[in-house]
mmCIF file of all heavy atoms, coordinates in Angstrom:
data_MODEL
# 
_entry.id   MODEL 
# 
loop_
_atom_site.group_PDB 
_atom_site.id 
_atom_site.type_symbol 
_atom_site.label_atom_id 
_atom_site.label_alt_id 
_atom_site.label_comp_id 
_atom_site.label_asym_id 
_atom_site.label_entity_id 
_atom_site.label_seq_id 
_atom_site.pdbx_PDB_ins_code 
_atom_site.Cartn_x 
_atom_site.Cartn_y 
_atom_site.Cartn_z 
_atom_site.occupancy 
_atom_site.B_iso_or_equiv 
_atom_site.pdbx_formal_charge 
_atom_site.auth_seq_id 
_atom_site.auth_comp_id 
_atom_site.auth_asym_id 
_atom_site.auth_atom_id 
_atom_site.pdbx_PDB_model_num 
ATOM 1   N N   . ALA A 1 1  ? -24.396 -9.480  -8.457 1.00 0.00 ? 1  ALA A N   1 
ATOM 2   C CA  . ALA A 1 1  ? -24.719 -8.810  -7.235 1.00 0.00 ? 1  ALA A CA  1 
ATOM 3   C C   . ALA A 1 1  ? -23.441 -8.237  -6.615 1.00 0.00 ? 1  ALA A C   1 
ATOM 4   O O   . ALA A 1 1  ? -22.346 -8.526  -7.025 1.00 0.00 ? 1  ALA A O   1 
ATOM 5   C CB  . ALA A 1 1  ? -25.390 -9.779  -6.225 1.00 0.00 ? 1  ALA A CB  1 
ATOM 6   N N   . VAL A 1 2  ? -23.683 -7.457  -5.552 1.00 0.00 ? 2  VAL A N   1 
ATOM 7   C CA  . VAL A 1 2  ? -22.570 -7.063  -4.690 1.00 0.00 ? 2  VAL A CA  1 
ATOM 8   C C   . VAL A 1 2  ? -22.399 -8.183  -3.640 1.00 0.00 ? 2  VAL A C   1 
ATOM 9   O O   . VAL A 1 2  ? -23.406 -8.572  -2.935 1.00 0.00 ? 2  VAL A O   1 
ATOM 10  C CB  . VAL A 1 2  ? -22.793 -5.686  -4.052 1.00 0.00 ? 2  VAL A CB  1 
ATOM 11  C CG1 . VAL A 1 2  ? -21.739 -5.391  -3.036 1.00 0.00 ? 2  VAL A CG1 1 
ATOM 12  C CG2 . VAL A 1 2  ? -22.905 -4.659  -5.042 1.00 0.00 ? 2  VAL A CG2 1 
ATOM 13  N N   . TYR A 1 3  ? -21.272 -8.651  -3.498 1.00 0.00 ? 3  TYR A N   1 
ATOM 14  C CA  . TYR A 1 3  ? -20.979 -9.784  -2.558 1.00 0.00 ? 3  TYR A CA  1 
ATOM 15  C C   . TYR A 1 3  ? -20.344 -9.258  -1.352 1.00 0.00 ? 3  TYR A C   1 
ATOM 16  O O   . TYR A 1 3  ? -19.285 -8.479  -1.391 1.00 0.00 ? 3  TYR A O   1 
ATOM 17  C CB  . TYR A 1 3  ? -20.093 -10.840 -3.240 1.00 0.00 ? 3  TYR A CB  1 
ATOM 18  C CG  . TYR A 1 3  ? -20.959 -11.770 -4.108 1.00 0.00 ? 3  TYR A CG  1 
ATOM 19  C CD1 . TYR A 1 3  ? -21.426 -11.281 -5.481 1.00 0.00 ? 3  TYR A CD1 1 
ATOM 20  C CD2 . TYR A 1 3  ? -21.235 -13.060 -3.799 1.00 0.00 ? 3  TYR A CD2 1 
ATOM 21  C CE1 . TYR A 1 3  ? -22.133 -12.085 -6.291 1.00 0.00 ? 3  TYR A CE1 1 
ATOM 22  C CE2 . TYR A 1 3  ? -21.976 -13.898 -4.657 1.00 0.00 ? 3  TYR A CE2 1 
ATOM 23  C CZ  . TYR A 1 3  ? -22.364 -13.353 -5.848 1.00 0.00 ? 3  TYR A CZ  1 
ATOM 24  O OH  . TYR A 1 3  ? -23.068 -14.177 -6.743 1.00 0.00 ? 3  TYR A OH  1 
ATOM 25  N N   . TYR A 1 4  ? -20.876 -9.645  -0.172 1.00 0.00 ? 4  TYR A N   1 
ATOM 26  C CA  . TYR A 1 4  ? -20.375 -9.176  1.083  1.00 0.00 ? 4  TYR A CA  1 
ATOM 27  C C   . TYR A 1 4  ? -19.861 -10.325 1.904  1.00 0.00 ? 4  TYR A C   1 
ATOM 28  O O   . TYR A 1 4  ? -20.591 -11.384 1.955  1.00 0.00 ? 4  TYR A O   1 
ATOM 29  C CB  . TYR A 1 4  ? -21.462 -8.524  1.885  1.00 0.00 ? 4  TYR A CB  1 
ATOM 30  C CG  . TYR A 1 4  ? -21.979 -7.268  1.302  1.00 0.00 ? 4  TYR A CG  1 
ATOM 31  C CD1 . TYR A 1 4  ? -23.121 -7.265  0.436  1.00 0.00 ? 4  TYR A CD1 1 
ATOM 32  C CD2 . TYR A 1 4  ? -21.433 -5.997  1.581  1.00 0.00 ? 4  TYR A CD2 1 
ATOM 33  C CE1 . TYR A 1 4  ? -23.649 -6.139  -0.140 1.00 0.00 ? 4  TYR A CE1 1 
ATOM 34  C CE2 . TYR A 1 4  ? -21.957 -4.776  1.006  1.00 0.00 ? 4  TYR A CE2 1 
ATOM 35  C CZ  . TYR A 1 4  ? -22.984 -4.938  0.159  1.00 0.00 ? 4  TYR A CZ  1 
ATOM 36  O OH  . TYR A 1 4  ? -23.520 -3.722  -0.401 1.00 0.00 ? 4  TYR A OH  1 
ATOM 37  N N   . CYS A 1 5  ? -18.744 -10.216 2.558  1.00 0.00 ? 5  CYS A N   1 
ATOM 38  C CA  . CYS A 1 5  ? -18.369 -11.180 3.509  1.00 0.00 ? 5  CYS A CA  1 
ATOM 39  C C   . CYS A 1 5  ? -18.734 -10.778 4.865  1.00 0.00 ? 5  CYS A C   1 
ATOM 40  O O   . CYS A 1 5  ? -18.794 -9.524  5.129  1.00 0.00 ? 5  CYS A O   1 
ATOM 41  C CB  . CYS A 1 5  ? -16.971 -11.573 3.518  1.00 0.00 ? 5  CYS A CB  1 
ATOM 42  S SG  . CYS A 1 5  ? -15.702 -10.312 3.938  1.00 0.00 ? 5  CYS A SG  1 
ATOM 43  N N   . ALA A 1 6  ? -19.033 -11.612 5.803  1.00 0.00 ? 6  ALA A N   1 
ATOM 44  C CA  . ALA A 1 6  ? -19.420 -11.257 7.161  1.00 0.00 ? 6  ALA A CA  1 
ATOM 45  C C   . ALA A 1 6  ? -18.811 -12.157 8.180  1.00 0.00 ? 6  ALA A C   1 
ATOM 46  O O   . ALA A 1 6  ? -18.549 -13.338 7.840  1.00 0.00 ? 6  ALA A O   1 
ATOM 47  C CB  . ALA A 1 6  ? -20.983 -11.244 7.272  1.00 0.00 ? 6  ALA A CB  1 
ATOM 48  N N   . ALA A 1 7  ? -18.706 -11.670 9.360  1.00 0.00 ? 7  ALA A N   1 
ATOM 49  C CA  . ALA A 1 7  ? -18.090 -12.470 10.445 1.00 0.00 ? 7  ALA A CA  1 
ATOM 50  C C   . ALA A 1 7  ? -18.969 -12.381 11.684 1.00 0.00 ? 7  ALA A C   1 
ATOM 51  O O   . ALA A 1 7  ? -19.626 -11.374 11.944 1.00 0.00 ? 7  ALA A O   1 
ATOM 52  C CB  . ALA A 1 7  ? -16.700 -11.981 10.835 1.00 0.00 ? 7  ALA A CB  1 
ATOM 53  N N   . ARG A 1 8  ? -19.046 -13.461 12.492 1.00 0.00 ? 8  ARG A N   1 
ATOM 54  C CA  . ARG A 1 8  ? -19.657 -13.452 13.682 1.00 0.00 ? 8  ARG A CA  1 
ATOM 55  C C   . ARG A 1 8  ? -18.777 -14.198 14.757 1.00 0.00 ? 8  ARG A C   1 
ATOM 56  O O   . ARG A 1 8  ? -18.184 -15.203 14.331 1.00 0.00 ? 8  ARG A O   1 
ATOM 57  C CB  . ARG A 1 8  ? -21.120 -14.180 13.597 1.00 0.00 ? 8  ARG A CB  1 
ATOM 58  C CG  . ARG A 1 8  ? -21.076 -15.635 13.284 1.00 0.00 ? 8  ARG A CG  1 
ATOM 59  C CD  . ARG A 1 8  ? -22.445 -16.289 13.377 1.00 0.00 ? 8  ARG A CD  1 
ATOM 60  N NE  . ARG A 1 8  ? -23.063 -16.145 14.715 1.00 0.00 ? 8  ARG A NE  1 
ATOM 61  C CZ  . ARG A 1 8  ? -22.808 -16.928 15.691 1.00 0.00 ? 8  ARG A CZ  1 
ATOM 62  N NH1 . ARG A 1 8  ? -22.016 -18.031 15.549 1.00 0.00 ? 8  ARG A NH1 1 
ATOM 63  N NH2 . ARG A 1 8  ? -23.397 -16.693 16.856 1.00 0.00 ? 8  ARG A NH2 1 
ATOM 64  N N   . PHE A 1 9  ? -18.804 -13.753 15.917 1.00 0.00 ? 9  PHE A N   1 
ATOM 65  C CA  . PHE A 1 9  ? -18.055 -14.336 16.963 1.00 0.00 ? 9  PHE A CA  1 
ATOM 66  C C   . PHE A 1 9  ? -18.716 -15.680 17.430 1.00 0.00 ? 9  PHE A C   1 
ATOM 67  O O   . PHE A 1 9  ? -19.872 -15.547 17.919 1.00 0.00 ? 9  PHE A O   1 
ATOM 68  C CB  . PHE A 1 9  ? -17.745 -13.406 18.106 1.00 0.00 ? 9  PHE A CB  1 
ATOM 69  C CG  . PHE A 1 9  ? -16.835 -14.018 19.238 1.00 0.00 ? 9  PHE A CG  1 
ATOM 70  C CD1 . PHE A 1 9  ? -15.509 -14.040 19.056 1.00 0.00 ? 9  PHE A CD1 1 
ATOM 71  C CD2 . PHE A 1 9  ? -17.398 -14.446 20.282 1.00 0.00 ? 9  PHE A CD2 1 
ATOM 72  C CE1 . PHE A 1 9  ? -14.636 -14.534 19.955 1.00 0.00 ? 9  PHE A CE1 1 
ATOM 73  C CE2 . PHE A 1 9  ? -16.592 -15.046 21.290 1.00 0.00 ? 9  PHE A CE2 1 
ATOM 74  C CZ  . PHE A 1 9  ? -15.172 -15.007 21.108 1.00 0.00 ? 9  PHE A CZ  1 
ATOM 75  N N   . GLY A 1 10 ? -17.990 -16.745 17.170 1.00 0.00 ? 10 GLY A N   1 
ATOM 76  C CA  . GLY A 1 10 ? -18.681 -18.022 17.563 1.00 0.00 ? 10 GLY A CA  1 
ATOM 77  C C   . GLY A 1 10 ? -18.461 -19.001 16.423 1.00 0.00 ? 10 GLY A C   1 
ATOM 78  O O   . GLY A 1 10 ? -17.948 -18.614 15.293 1.00 0.00 ? 10 GLY A O   1 
ATOM 79  N N   . ALA A 1 11 ? -18.741 -20.238 16.710 1.00 0.00 ? 11 ALA A N   1 
ATOM 80  C CA  . ALA A 1 11 ? -18.423 -21.364 15.773 1.00 0.00 ? 11 ALA A CA  1 
ATOM 81  C C   . ALA A 1 11 ? -19.459 -21.569 14.705 1.00 0.00 ? 11 ALA A C   1 
ATOM 82  O O   . ALA A 1 11 ? -19.123 -22.041 13.599 1.00 0.00 ? 11 ALA A O   1 
ATOM 83  C CB  . ALA A 1 11 ? -18.165 -22.613 16.613 1.00 0.00 ? 11 ALA A CB  1 
ATOM 84  N N   . VAL A 1 12 ? -20.696 -21.309 15.061 1.00 0.00 ? 12 VAL A N   1 
ATOM 85  C CA  . VAL A 1 12 ? -21.762 -21.821 14.207 1.00 0.00 ? 12 VAL A CA  1 
ATOM 86  C C   . VAL A 1 12 ? -22.013 -20.790 13.052 1.00 0.00 ? 12 VAL A C   1 
ATOM 87  O O   . VAL A 1 12 ? -22.203 -19.565 13.279 1.00 0.00 ? 12 VAL A O   1 
ATOM 88  C CB  . VAL A 1 12 ? -23.085 -21.843 14.981 1.00 0.00 ? 12 VAL A CB  1 
ATOM 89  C CG1 . VAL A 1 12 ? -24.309 -22.276 14.119 1.00 0.00 ? 12 VAL A CG1 1 
ATOM 90  C CG2 . VAL A 1 12 ? -22.910 -22.767 16.157 1.00 0.00 ? 12 VAL A CG2 1 
ATOM 91  N N   . PRO A 1 13 ? -21.952 -21.293 11.802 1.00 0.00 ? 13 PRO A N   1 
ATOM 92  C CA  . PRO A 1 13 ? -22.211 -20.462 10.553 1.00 0.00 ? 13 PRO A CA  1 
ATOM 93  C C   . PRO A 1 13 ? -23.725 -20.273 10.280 1.00 0.00 ? 13 PRO A C   1 
ATOM 94  O O   . PRO A 1 13 ? -24.127 -20.811 9.323  1.00 0.00 ? 13 PRO A O   1 
ATOM 95  C CB  . PRO A 1 13 ? -21.448 -21.176 9.534  1.00 0.00 ? 13 PRO A CB  1 
ATOM 96  C CG  . PRO A 1 13 ? -21.539 -22.609 9.897  1.00 0.00 ? 13 PRO A CG  1 
ATOM 97  C CD  . PRO A 1 13 ? -21.616 -22.654 11.373 1.00 0.00 ? 13 PRO A CD  1 
ATOM 98  N N   . TYR A 1 14 ? -24.371 -19.447 11.023 1.00 0.00 ? 14 TYR A N   1 
ATOM 99  C CA  . TYR A 1 14 ? -25.798 -19.151 10.675 1.00 0.00 ? 14 TYR A CA  1 
ATOM 100 C C   . TYR A 1 14 ? -26.012 -18.596 9.378  1.00 0.00 ? 14 TYR A C   1 
ATOM 101 O O   . TYR A 1 14 ? -25.075 -18.000 8.773  1.00 0.00 ? 14 TYR A O   1 
ATOM 102 C CB  . TYR A 1 14 ? -26.326 -18.278 11.780 1.00 0.00 ? 14 TYR A CB  1 
ATOM 103 C CG  . TYR A 1 14 ? -26.396 -18.850 13.165 1.00 0.00 ? 14 TYR A CG  1 
ATOM 104 C CD1 . TYR A 1 14 ? -25.534 -18.431 14.155 1.00 0.00 ? 14 TYR A CD1 1 
ATOM 105 C CD2 . TYR A 1 14 ? -27.348 -19.811 13.495 1.00 0.00 ? 14 TYR A CD2 1 
ATOM 106 C CE1 . TYR A 1 14 ? -25.547 -19.025 15.415 1.00 0.00 ? 14 TYR A CE1 1 
ATOM 107 C CE2 . TYR A 1 14 ? -27.346 -20.376 14.730 1.00 0.00 ? 14 TYR A CE2 1 
ATOM 108 C CZ  . TYR A 1 14 ? -26.475 -19.919 15.663 1.00 0.00 ? 14 TYR A CZ  1 
ATOM 109 O OH  . TYR A 1 14 ? -26.531 -20.468 16.963 1.00 0.00 ? 14 TYR A OH  1 
ATOM 110 N N   . ASN A 1 15 ? -27.136 -18.717 8.831  1.00 0.00 ? 15 ASN A N   1 
ATOM 111 C CA  . ASN A 1 15 ? -27.469 -18.281 7.503  1.00 0.00 ? 15 ASN A CA  1 
ATOM 112 C C   . ASN A 1 15 ? -28.359 -17.021 7.403  1.00 0.00 ? 15 ASN A C   1 
ATOM 113 O O   . ASN A 1 15 ? -28.928 -16.736 6.403  1.00 0.00 ? 15 ASN A O   1 
ATOM 114 C CB  . ASN A 1 15 ? -28.132 -19.389 6.689  1.00 0.00 ? 15 ASN A CB  1 
ATOM 115 C CG  . ASN A 1 15 ? -29.477 -19.757 7.242  1.00 0.00 ? 15 ASN A CG  1 
ATOM 116 O OD1 . ASN A 1 15 ? -29.884 -19.250 8.258  1.00 0.00 ? 15 ASN A OD1 1 
ATOM 117 N ND2 . ASN A 1 15 ? -30.137 -20.725 6.603  1.00 0.00 ? 15 ASN A ND2 1 
ATOM 118 N N   . THR A 1 16 ? -28.381 -16.275 8.482  1.00 0.00 ? 16 THR A N   1 
ATOM 119 C CA  . THR A 1 16 ? -29.164 -14.972 8.503  1.00 0.00 ? 16 THR A CA  1 
ATOM 120 C C   . THR A 1 16 ? -28.241 -13.825 8.774  1.00 0.00 ? 16 THR A C   1 
ATOM 121 O O   . THR A 1 16 ? -27.366 -13.954 9.628  1.00 0.00 ? 16 THR A O   1 
ATOM 122 C CB  . THR A 1 16 ? -30.211 -15.012 9.587  1.00 0.00 ? 16 THR A CB  1 
ATOM 123 O OG1 . THR A 1 16 ? -29.661 -15.368 10.812 1.00 0.00 ? 16 THR A OG1 1 
ATOM 124 C CG2 . THR A 1 16 ? -31.237 -16.171 9.218  1.00 0.00 ? 16 THR A CG2 1 
ATOM 125 N N   . PRO A 1 17 ? -28.481 -12.779 8.066  1.00 0.00 ? 17 PRO A N   1 
ATOM 126 C CA  . PRO A 1 17 ? -27.611 -11.528 8.339  1.00 0.00 ? 17 PRO A CA  1 
ATOM 127 C C   . PRO A 1 17 ? -27.516 -11.073 9.719  1.00 0.00 ? 17 PRO A C   1 
ATOM 128 O O   . PRO A 1 17 ? -26.455 -10.534 10.145 1.00 0.00 ? 17 PRO A O   1 
ATOM 129 C CB  . PRO A 1 17 ? -28.201 -10.477 7.317  1.00 0.00 ? 17 PRO A CB  1 
ATOM 130 C CG  . PRO A 1 17 ? -28.919 -11.304 6.324  1.00 0.00 ? 17 PRO A CG  1 
ATOM 131 C CD  . PRO A 1 17 ? -29.412 -12.530 7.006  1.00 0.00 ? 17 PRO A CD  1 
ATOM 132 N N   . SER A 1 18 ? -28.682 -11.113 10.416 1.00 0.00 ? 18 SER A N   1 
ATOM 133 C CA  . SER A 1 18 ? -28.774 -10.649 11.789 1.00 0.00 ? 18 SER A CA  1 
ATOM 134 C C   . SER A 1 18 ? -27.879 -11.311 12.741 1.00 0.00 ? 18 SER A C   1 
ATOM 135 O O   . SER A 1 18 ? -27.590 -10.730 13.762 1.00 0.00 ? 18 SER A O   1 
ATOM 136 C CB  . SER A 1 18 ? -30.196 -10.712 12.263 1.00 0.00 ? 18 SER A CB  1 
ATOM 137 O OG  . SER A 1 18 ? -30.634 -12.118 12.345 1.00 0.00 ? 18 SER A OG  1 
ATOM 138 N N   . GLN A 1 19 ? -27.332 -12.497 12.439 1.00 0.00 ? 19 GLN A N   1 
ATOM 139 C CA  . GLN A 1 19 ? -26.430 -13.214 13.286 1.00 0.00 ? 19 GLN A CA  1 
ATOM 140 C C   . GLN A 1 19 ? -25.004 -12.709 13.128 1.00 0.00 ? 19 GLN A C   1 
ATOM 141 O O   . GLN A 1 19 ? -24.147 -13.233 13.954 1.00 0.00 ? 19 GLN A O   1 
ATOM 142 C CB  . GLN A 1 19 ? -26.539 -14.703 13.021 1.00 0.00 ? 19 GLN A CB  1 
ATOM 143 C CG  . GLN A 1 19 ? -27.870 -15.302 13.423 1.00 0.00 ? 19 GLN A CG  1 
ATOM 144 C CD  . GLN A 1 19 ? -28.006 -15.422 14.899 1.00 0.00 ? 19 GLN A CD  1 
ATOM 145 O OE1 . GLN A 1 19 ? -27.067 -15.296 15.714 1.00 0.00 ? 19 GLN A OE1 1 
ATOM 146 N NE2 . GLN A 1 19 ? -29.261 -15.642 15.323 1.00 0.00 ? 19 GLN A NE2 1 
ATOM 147 N N   . TYR A 1 20 ? -24.642 -11.909 12.238 1.00 0.00 ? 20 TYR A N   1 
ATOM 148 C CA  . TYR A 1 20 ? -23.319 -11.542 11.938 1.00 0.00 ? 20 TYR A CA  1 
ATOM 149 C C   . TYR A 1 20 ? -23.062 -10.156 12.384 1.00 0.00 ? 20 TYR A C   1 
ATOM 150 O O   . TYR A 1 20 ? -23.866 -9.227  12.236 1.00 0.00 ? 20 TYR A O   1 
ATOM 151 C CB  . TYR A 1 20 ? -23.018 -11.642 10.451 1.00 0.00 ? 20 TYR A CB  1 
ATOM 152 C CG  . TYR A 1 20 ? -22.921 -13.122 9.992  1.00 0.00 ? 20 TYR A CG  1 
ATOM 153 C CD1 . TYR A 1 20 ? -24.072 -13.788 9.705  1.00 0.00 ? 20 TYR A CD1 1 
ATOM 154 C CD2 . TYR A 1 20 ? -21.767 -13.778 9.922  1.00 0.00 ? 20 TYR A CD2 1 
ATOM 155 C CE1 . TYR A 1 20 ? -24.042 -15.197 9.450  1.00 0.00 ? 20 TYR A CE1 1 
ATOM 156 C CE2 . TYR A 1 20 ? -21.675 -15.097 9.597  1.00 0.00 ? 20 TYR A CE2 1 
ATOM 157 C CZ  . TYR A 1 20 ? -22.854 -15.833 9.348  1.00 0.00 ? 20 TYR A CZ  1 
ATOM 158 O OH  . TYR A 1 20 ? -22.789 -17.118 9.025  1.00 0.00 ? 20 TYR A OH  1 
ATOM 159 N N   . ASN A 1 21 ? -21.831 -10.015 13.014 1.00 0.00 ? 21 ASN A N   1 
ATOM 160 C CA  . ASN A 1 21 ? -21.486 -8.703  13.682 1.00 0.00 ? 21 ASN A CA  1 
ATOM 161 C C   . ASN A 1 21 ? -20.732 -7.728  12.794 1.00 0.00 ? 21 ASN A C   1 
ATOM 162 O O   . ASN A 1 21 ? -20.724 -6.513  13.004 1.00 0.00 ? 21 ASN A O   1 
ATOM 163 C CB  . ASN A 1 21 ? -20.672 -9.013  14.904 1.00 0.00 ? 21 ASN A CB  1 
ATOM 164 C CG  . ASN A 1 21 ? -21.417 -10.033 15.828 1.00 0.00 ? 21 ASN A CG  1 
ATOM 165 O OD1 . ASN A 1 21 ? -20.903 -11.205 15.900 1.00 0.00 ? 21 ASN A OD1 1 
ATOM 166 N ND2 . ASN A 1 21 ? -22.422 -9.680  16.471 1.00 0.00 ? 21 ASN A ND2 1 
ATOM 167 N N   . TYR A 1 22 ? -19.928 -8.310  11.865 1.00 0.00 ? 22 TYR A N   1 
ATOM 168 C CA  . TYR A 1 22 ? -19.032 -7.509  11.063 1.00 0.00 ? 22 TYR A CA  1 
ATOM 169 C C   . TYR A 1 22 ? -19.237 -7.702  9.613  1.00 0.00 ? 22 TYR A C   1 
ATOM 170 O O   . TYR A 1 22 ? -19.394 -8.883  9.195  1.00 0.00 ? 22 TYR A O   1 
ATOM 171 C CB  . TYR A 1 22 ? -17.580 -7.825  11.463 1.00 0.00 ? 22 TYR A CB  1 
ATOM 172 C CG  . TYR A 1 22 ? -17.334 -7.651  13.012 1.00 0.00 ? 22 TYR A CG  1 
ATOM 173 C CD1 . TYR A 1 22 ? -17.332 -8.806  13.738 1.00 0.00 ? 22 TYR A CD1 1 
ATOM 174 C CD2 . TYR A 1 22 ? -17.159 -6.421  13.593 1.00 0.00 ? 22 TYR A CD2 1 
ATOM 175 C CE1 . TYR A 1 22 ? -17.044 -8.717  15.197 1.00 0.00 ? 22 TYR A CE1 1 
ATOM 176 C CE2 . TYR A 1 22 ? -16.972 -6.346  15.016 1.00 0.00 ? 22 TYR A CE2 1 
ATOM 177 C CZ  . TYR A 1 22 ? -16.963 -7.483  15.776 1.00 0.00 ? 22 TYR A CZ  1 
ATOM 178 O OH  . TYR A 1 22 ? -16.742 -7.423  17.164 1.00 0.00 ? 22 TYR A OH  1 
ATOM 179 N N   . TRP A 1 23 ? -19.061 -6.670  8.785  1.00 0.00 ? 23 TRP A N   1 
ATOM 180 C CA  . TRP A 1 23 ? -19.315 -6.778  7.375  1.00 0.00 ? 23 TRP A CA  1 
ATOM 181 C C   . TRP A 1 23 ? -18.205 -6.038  6.580  1.00 0.00 ? 23 TRP A C   1 
ATOM 182 O O   . TRP A 1 23 ? -17.708 -4.953  7.020  1.00 0.00 ? 23 TRP A O   1 
ATOM 183 C CB  . TRP A 1 23 ? -20.692 -6.126  7.103  1.00 0.00 ? 23 TRP A CB  1 
ATOM 184 C CG  . TRP A 1 23 ? -21.838 -6.959  7.591  1.00 0.00 ? 23 TRP A CG  1 
ATOM 185 C CD1 . TRP A 1 23 ? -22.385 -6.791  8.936  1.00 0.00 ? 23 TRP A CD1 1 
ATOM 186 C CD2 . TRP A 1 23 ? -22.603 -7.921  6.944  1.00 0.00 ? 23 TRP A CD2 1 
ATOM 187 N NE1 . TRP A 1 23 ? -23.357 -7.675  9.055  1.00 0.00 ? 23 TRP A NE1 1 
ATOM 188 C CE2 . TRP A 1 23 ? -23.535 -8.379  7.889  1.00 0.00 ? 23 TRP A CE2 1 
ATOM 189 C CE3 . TRP A 1 23 ? -22.608 -8.431  5.732  1.00 0.00 ? 23 TRP A CE3 1 
ATOM 190 C CZ2 . TRP A 1 23 ? -24.500 -9.292  7.564  1.00 0.00 ? 23 TRP A CZ2 1 
ATOM 191 C CZ3 . TRP A 1 23 ? -23.422 -9.378  5.378  1.00 0.00 ? 23 TRP A CZ3 1 
ATOM 192 C CH2 . TRP A 1 23 ? -24.467 -9.817  6.323  1.00 0.00 ? 23 TRP A CH2 1 
ATOM 193 N N   . GLY A 1 24 ? -17.938 -6.615  5.473  1.00 0.00 ? 24 GLY A N   1 
ATOM 194 C CA  . GLY A 1 24 ? -17.061 -5.911  4.534  1.00 0.00 ? 24 GLY A CA  1 
ATOM 195 C C   . GLY A 1 24 ? -17.819 -4.906  3.779  1.00 0.00 ? 24 GLY A C   1 
ATOM 196 O O   . GLY A 1 24 ? -18.952 -4.699  3.889  1.00 0.00 ? 24 GLY A O   1 
# 
């Protein structure tokens, strides 16, 4: 697959894409 890293401001590592603000 194509693997993407993502970041969200905050401590909790949610498992849904919608929770992440930034993407590689």
